[in-house]
Amino acid sequence: MSTLNARKKMGRPRVDSEEVRSRIQRPLLDHLDAWAEANSVTRAEAIRRLIARGLEVDKG
């Protein structure tokens, strides 16, 4: 097969990240969803932002 005619693979690009799964109790999840909605972000983005905030506070 010629490399001149090789097609690039389509799909999701590789990212330097790892999937993390966790169980969250309903009251905390409801609070998280409310925060996400108030900040116009997805649940996943809300989790990333809140973790980052928590780590910044921890630096002191």
N, C-alpha and C. Protein backbone atom coordinates (compact mmCIF):
# COMPACT_ATOMS: atom_id res chain seq x y z
N MET A 1 0.85 -1.18 0.00
CA MET A 1 0.00 0.00 0.00
C MET A 1 0.89 1.24 0.00
N SER A 2 0.60 2.15 -0.85
CA SER A 2 1.37 3.38 -0.97
C SER A 2 1.07 4.33 0.18
N THR A 3 2.12 4.94 0.72
CA THR A 3 1.90 5.92 1.78
C THR A 3 1.37 7.23 1.23
N LEU A 4 1.48 7.42 -0.07
CA LEU A 4 0.96 8.65 -0.67
C LEU A 4 -0.56 8.68 -0.63
N ASN A 5 -1.16 7.52 -0.74
CA ASN A 5 -2.62 7.44 -0.77
C ASN A 5 -3.21 6.99 0.56
N ALA A 6 -2.38 6.86 1.56
CA ALA A 6 -2.88 6.41 2.87
C ALA A 6 -3.79 7.48 3.46
N ARG A 7 -4.92 7.05 3.94
CA ARG A 7 -5.88 7.99 4.53
C ARG A 7 -5.65 8.06 6.03
N LYS A 8 -5.85 9.24 6.56
CA LYS A 8 -5.76 9.39 8.00
C LYS A 8 -6.97 8.73 8.64
N LYS A 9 -6.73 8.13 9.79
CA LYS A 9 -7.85 7.53 10.52
C LYS A 9 -8.71 8.64 11.11
N MET A 10 -9.99 8.49 10.97
CA MET A 10 -10.92 9.46 11.54
C MET A 10 -11.32 8.96 12.92
N GLY A 11 -11.84 9.85 13.69
CA GLY A 11 -12.30 9.47 15.02
C GLY A 11 -11.76 10.43 16.05
N ARG A 12 -11.95 10.05 17.26
CA ARG A 12 -11.55 10.91 18.37
C ARG A 12 -10.02 10.95 18.48
N PRO A 13 -9.46 12.15 18.61
CA PRO A 13 -8.00 12.23 18.75
C PRO A 13 -7.55 11.71 20.10
N ARG A 14 -6.31 11.26 20.16
CA ARG A 14 -5.76 10.79 21.42
C ARG A 14 -5.56 11.97 22.37
N VAL A 15 -5.82 11.72 23.62
CA VAL A 15 -5.62 12.75 24.64
C VAL A 15 -4.83 12.15 25.79
N ASP A 16 -4.11 13.01 26.48
CA ASP A 16 -3.33 12.55 27.63
C ASP A 16 -4.22 12.61 28.87
N SER A 17 -5.09 11.64 28.99
CA SER A 17 -6.01 11.61 30.12
C SER A 17 -6.37 10.16 30.43
N GLU A 18 -7.07 9.99 31.52
CA GLU A 18 -7.49 8.67 31.94
C GLU A 18 -8.89 8.76 32.51
N GLU A 19 -9.72 7.78 32.17
CA GLU A 19 -11.09 7.76 32.69
C GLU A 19 -11.06 7.39 34.17
N VAL A 20 -11.84 8.13 34.96
CA VAL A 20 -11.96 7.86 36.39
C VAL A 20 -13.44 7.65 36.70
N ARG A 21 -13.75 6.56 37.35
CA ARG A 21 -15.14 6.27 37.70
C ARG A 21 -15.32 6.34 39.20
N SER A 22 -16.47 6.83 39.61
CA SER A 22 -16.75 6.94 41.04
C SER A 22 -18.26 6.91 41.27
N ARG A 23 -18.65 6.38 42.38
CA ARG A 23 -20.06 6.42 42.78
C ARG A 23 -20.24 7.63 43.68
N ILE A 24 -21.28 8.40 43.40
CA ILE A 24 -21.57 9.61 44.17
C ILE A 24 -23.00 9.52 44.67
N GLN A 25 -23.19 9.76 45.95
CA GLN A 25 -24.54 9.68 46.52
C GLN A 25 -25.42 10.78 45.95
N ARG A 26 -26.71 10.48 45.85
CA ARG A 26 -27.68 11.37 45.20
C ARG A 26 -27.64 12.81 45.70
N PRO A 27 -27.61 13.09 47.01
CA PRO A 27 -27.61 14.50 47.44
C PRO A 27 -26.40 15.28 46.90
N LEU A 28 -25.23 14.65 46.91
CA LEU A 28 -24.04 15.31 46.39
C LEU A 28 -24.12 15.46 44.87
N LEU A 29 -24.66 14.45 44.20
CA LEU A 29 -24.82 14.52 42.75
C LEU A 29 -25.79 15.62 42.35
N ASP A 30 -26.87 15.77 43.10
CA ASP A 30 -27.82 16.85 42.83
C ASP A 30 -27.16 18.21 42.99
N HIS A 31 -26.34 18.34 44.02
CA HIS A 31 -25.62 19.59 44.27
C HIS A 31 -24.62 19.86 43.13
N LEU A 32 -23.93 18.81 42.70
CA LEU A 32 -22.98 18.92 41.59
C LEU A 32 -23.70 19.36 40.31
N ASP A 33 -24.82 18.74 40.00
CA ASP A 33 -25.58 19.09 38.80
C ASP A 33 -26.08 20.53 38.86
N ALA A 34 -26.50 20.98 40.03
CA ALA A 34 -26.95 22.37 40.18
C ALA A 34 -25.78 23.33 39.94
N TRP A 35 -24.60 22.98 40.45
CA TRP A 35 -23.41 23.82 40.24
C TRP A 35 -23.05 23.86 38.75
N ALA A 36 -23.11 22.70 38.11
CA ALA A 36 -22.80 22.62 36.68
C ALA A 36 -23.76 23.48 35.87
N GLU A 37 -25.04 23.40 36.18
CA GLU A 37 -26.04 24.18 35.45
C GLU A 37 -25.83 25.68 35.69
N ALA A 38 -25.56 26.06 36.92
CA ALA A 38 -25.36 27.47 37.24
C ALA A 38 -24.12 28.04 36.55
N ASN A 39 -23.16 27.17 36.24
CA ASN A 39 -21.93 27.60 35.59
C ASN A 39 -21.88 27.24 34.11
N SER A 40 -23.00 26.76 33.58
CA SER A 40 -23.15 26.42 32.16
C SER A 40 -22.06 25.48 31.66
N VAL A 41 -21.82 24.43 32.43
CA VAL A 41 -20.85 23.42 32.02
C VAL A 41 -21.47 22.03 32.18
N THR A 42 -20.84 21.06 31.57
CA THR A 42 -21.30 19.68 31.71
C THR A 42 -20.94 19.15 33.09
N ARG A 43 -21.53 18.05 33.44
CA ARG A 43 -21.21 17.41 34.72
C ARG A 43 -19.72 17.07 34.78
N ALA A 44 -19.19 16.51 33.70
CA ALA A 44 -17.77 16.13 33.68
C ALA A 44 -16.87 17.35 33.86
N GLU A 45 -17.20 18.45 33.18
CA GLU A 45 -16.39 19.66 33.32
C GLU A 45 -16.52 20.24 34.72
N ALA A 46 -17.70 20.15 35.31
CA ALA A 46 -17.89 20.62 36.69
C ALA A 46 -17.00 19.83 37.64
N ILE A 47 -16.94 18.52 37.45
CA ILE A 47 -16.09 17.69 38.30
C ILE A 47 -14.63 18.10 38.15
N ARG A 48 -14.17 18.29 36.90
CA ARG A 48 -12.78 18.70 36.68
C ARG A 48 -12.48 20.03 37.36
N ARG A 49 -13.38 21.00 37.20
CA ARG A 49 -13.15 22.33 37.78
C ARG A 49 -13.16 22.30 39.31
N LEU A 50 -14.09 21.55 39.88
CA LEU A 50 -14.17 21.49 41.34
C LEU A 50 -12.98 20.74 41.94
N ILE A 51 -12.51 19.71 41.27
CA ILE A 51 -11.30 19.02 41.73
C ILE A 51 -10.12 19.98 41.69
N ALA A 52 -9.98 20.73 40.59
CA ALA A 52 -8.88 21.69 40.46
C ALA A 52 -8.95 22.74 41.57
N ARG A 53 -10.15 23.23 41.85
CA ARG A 53 -10.32 24.21 42.93
C ARG A 53 -9.91 23.63 44.28
N GLY A 54 -10.34 22.42 44.54
CA GLY A 54 -10.00 21.76 45.79
C GLY A 54 -8.50 21.57 45.94
N LEU A 55 -7.83 21.23 44.87
CA LEU A 55 -6.38 21.04 44.92
C LEU A 55 -5.66 22.37 45.12
N GLU A 56 -6.19 23.44 44.54
CA GLU A 56 -5.58 24.77 44.74
C GLU A 56 -5.71 25.20 46.20
N VAL A 57 -6.88 24.98 46.79
CA VAL A 57 -7.10 25.33 48.19
C VAL A 57 -6.15 24.52 49.08
N ASP A 58 -5.95 23.27 48.72
CA ASP A 58 -5.10 22.38 49.50
C ASP A 58 -3.64 22.84 49.50
N LYS A 59 -3.23 23.54 48.42
CA LYS A 59 -1.86 24.05 48.34
C LYS A 59 -1.61 25.10 49.42
N GLY A 60 -2.69 25.79 49.79
CA GLY A 60 -2.67 26.77 50.87
C GLY A 60 -1.97 27.99 50.53
